[in-house]
Amino acid sequence: MNSADRHSLGLQFTINKIVYKIFGAMSNDLYVEISAHFDIETVENLVANRRKTVLLTYMAKQTIIYAKCSAEWFICLSVFLFIAFV
C-alpha cells in the first residue's frame, strides 16, 4: 500500500483526532506513550496484519487442496499400476 492509499483512507487522522480529543492537548511523545499503553495500532499496521492473515489463510487452503489432489493422484496411479501388472 503506497502513501497515497494510506492518506486516502483518512482513518489514521481520525484516530489521532479522537485520541487528542479524549486526552486533551498533548505532545507527540505523550501520544506515542498513550498509543502503546492502550495498544492503539496505526492503520498501516492494521492493514498489513490483515493482508498477512488473508495471504496465510489463502496459502494454507491452497496447500490443503494440493495435498488432497496429490493423494488422489497417488491412489489412482497405485490402482492403475496394480491393475496393469496383475
C-alpha atoms as a PDB file:
ATOM      1  CA  MET A   1       0.000   0.000   0.000  1.00  0.00           C
ATOM      2  CA  ASN A   2       1.553   3.292  -1.048  1.00  0.00           C
ATOM      3  CA  SER A   3       1.346   6.526   0.907  1.00  0.00           C
ATOM      4  CA  ALA A   4      -1.426   7.941  -1.267  1.00  0.00           C
ATOM      5  CA  ASP A   5      -3.625   4.956  -0.433  1.00  0.00           C
ATOM      6  CA  ARG A   6      -2.898   5.314   3.274  1.00  0.00           C
ATOM      7  CA  HIS A   7      -3.721   9.016   3.237  1.00  0.00           C
ATOM      8  CA  SER A   8      -6.865   8.454   1.215  1.00  0.00           C
ATOM      9  CA  LEU A   9      -8.192   6.211   3.957  1.00  0.00           C
ATOM     10  CA  GLY A  10      -8.087   9.106   6.385  1.00  0.00           C
ATOM     11  CA  LEU A  11      -8.532   6.696   9.248  1.00  0.00           C
ATOM     12  CA  GLN A  12      -5.229   7.444  10.938  1.00  0.00           C
ATOM     13  CA  PHE A  13      -6.084  11.136  11.056  1.00  0.00           C
ATOM     14  CA  THR A  14      -9.469  10.304  12.584  1.00  0.00           C
ATOM     15  CA  ILE A  15      -7.925   8.006  15.187  1.00  0.00           C
ATOM     16  CA  ASN A  16      -5.338  10.646  16.070  1.00  0.00           C
ATOM     17  CA  LYS A  17      -8.035  13.315  16.477  1.00  0.00           C
ATOM     18  CA  ILE A  18     -10.141  11.054  18.701  1.00  0.00           C
ATOM     19  CA  VAL A  19      -7.174  10.327  20.974  1.00  0.00           C
ATOM     20  CA  TYR A  20      -6.277  14.037  21.082  1.00  0.00           C
ATOM     21  CA  LYS A  21      -9.876  14.953  21.976  1.00  0.00           C
ATOM     22  CA  ILE A  22     -10.145  12.324  24.710  1.00  0.00           C
ATOM     23  CA  PHE A  23      -6.833  13.154  26.375  1.00  0.00           C
ATOM     24  CA  GLY A  24      -6.691  16.873  25.542  1.00  0.00           C
ATOM     25  CA  ALA A  25      -3.803  18.758  24.012  1.00  0.00           C
ATOM     26  CA  MET A  26      -0.622  16.709  24.253  1.00  0.00           C
ATOM     27  CA  SER A  27       2.784  16.280  22.723  1.00  0.00           C
ATOM     28  CA  ASN A  28       3.699  13.653  20.168  1.00  0.00           C
ATOM     29  CA  ASP A  29       5.710  11.743  22.796  1.00  0.00           C
ATOM     30  CA  LEU A  30       2.665  11.556  25.058  1.00  0.00           C
ATOM     31  CA  TYR A  31       0.552  10.377  22.114  1.00  0.00           C
ATOM     32  CA  VAL A  32       3.052   7.589  21.406  1.00  0.00           C
ATOM     33  CA  GLU A  33       3.009   6.608  25.094  1.00  0.00           C
ATOM     34  CA  ILE A  34      -0.810   6.535  25.217  1.00  0.00           C
ATOM     35  CA  SER A  35      -0.949   4.544  21.966  1.00  0.00           C
ATOM     36  CA  ALA A  36       1.467   1.990  23.367  1.00  0.00           C
ATOM     37  CA  HIS A  37      -0.358   1.778  26.708  1.00  0.00           C
ATOM     38  CA  PHE A  38      -3.820   1.303  25.178  1.00  0.00           C
ATOM     39  CA  ASP A  39      -2.474  -0.797  22.276  1.00  0.00           C
ATOM     40  CA  ILE A  40      -3.671   1.612  19.568  1.00  0.00           C
ATOM     41  CA  GLU A  41      -2.076   0.471  16.335  1.00  0.00           C
ATOM     42  CA  THR A  42      -1.571   2.578  13.256  1.00  0.00           C
ATOM     43  CA  VAL A  43      -3.855   1.999  10.303  1.00  0.00           C
ATOM     44  CA  GLU A  44      -0.855   0.947   8.245  1.00  0.00           C
ATOM     45  CA  ASN A  45      -0.039  -1.840  10.740  1.00  0.00           C
ATOM     46  CA  LEU A  46      -3.664  -2.958  10.892  1.00  0.00           C
ATOM     47  CA  VAL A  47      -3.884  -3.195   7.096  1.00  0.00           C
ATOM     48  CA  ALA A  48      -0.520  -5.013   6.898  1.00  0.00           C
ATOM     49  CA  ASN A  49      -1.582  -7.520   9.571  1.00  0.00           C
ATOM     50  CA  ARG A  50      -4.912  -8.136   7.844  1.00  0.00           C
ATOM     51  CA  ARG A  51      -3.192  -8.615   4.485  1.00  0.00           C
ATOM     52  CA  LYS A  52      -0.763 -11.094   6.045  1.00  0.00           C
ATOM     53  CA  THR A  53      -3.626 -13.029   7.664  1.00  0.00           C
ATOM     54  CA  VAL A  54      -5.560 -13.249   4.404  1.00  0.00           C
ATOM     55  CA  LEU A  55      -2.497 -14.381   2.457  1.00  0.00           C
ATOM     56  CA  LEU A  56      -1.572 -17.009   5.051  1.00  0.00           C
ATOM     57  CA  THR A  57      -5.139 -18.323   5.066  1.00  0.00           C
ATOM     58  CA  TYR A  58      -5.188 -18.456   1.272  1.00  0.00           C
ATOM     59  CA  MET A  59      -1.828 -20.230   1.169  1.00  0.00           C
ATOM     60  CA  ALA A  60      -2.970 -22.767   3.776  1.00  0.00           C
ATOM     61  CA  LYS A  61      -6.114 -23.537   1.773  1.00  0.00           C
ATOM     62  CA  GLN A  62      -4.077 -23.921  -1.403  1.00  0.00           C
ATOM     63  CA  THR A  63      -1.701 -26.320   0.379  1.00  0.00           C
ATOM     64  CA  ILE A  64      -4.615 -28.426   1.624  1.00  0.00           C
ATOM     65  CA  ILE A  65      -6.150 -28.568  -1.860  1.00  0.00           C
ATOM     66  CA  TYR A  66      -2.771 -29.512  -3.355  1.00  0.00           C
ATOM     67  CA  ALA A  67      -2.280 -32.242  -0.742  1.00  0.00           C
ATOM     68  CA  LYS A  68      -5.745 -33.687  -1.426  1.00  0.00           C
ATOM     69  CA  CYS A  69      -5.179 -33.675  -5.182  1.00  0.00           C
ATOM     70  CA  SER A  70      -1.755 -35.274  -4.750  1.00  0.00           C
ATOM     71  CA  ALA A  71      -3.216 -38.000  -2.536  1.00  0.00           C
ATOM     72  CA  GLU A  72      -5.979 -38.709  -5.055  1.00  0.00           C
ATOM     73  CA  TRP A  73      -3.475 -38.901  -7.908  1.00  0.00           C
ATOM     74  CA  PHE A  74      -1.291 -41.235  -5.880  1.00  0.00           C
ATOM     75  CA  ILE A  75      -4.245 -43.541  -5.189  1.00  0.00           C
ATOM     76  CA  CYS A  76      -5.313 -43.529  -8.845  1.00  0.00           C
ATOM     77  CA  LEU A  77      -1.765 -44.217 -10.000  1.00  0.00           C
ATOM     78  CA  SER A  78      -1.396 -47.035  -7.465  1.00  0.00           C
ATOM     79  CA  VAL A  79      -4.638 -48.660  -8.602  1.00  0.00           C
ATOM     80  CA  PHE A  80      -3.670 -48.267 -12.247  1.00  0.00           C
ATOM     81  CA  LEU A  81      -0.241 -49.841 -11.688  1.00  0.00           C
ATOM     82  CA  PHE A  82      -1.770 -52.651  -9.630  1.00  0.00           C
ATOM     83  CA  ILE A  83      -4.251 -53.427 -12.418  1.00  0.00           C
ATOM     84  CA  ALA A  84      -1.623 -53.109 -15.138  1.00  0.00           C
ATOM     85  CA  PHE A  85       0.840 -55.525 -13.555  1.00  0.00           C
ATOM     86  CA  VAL A  86      -1.604 -58.099 -12.199  1.00  0.00           C
END
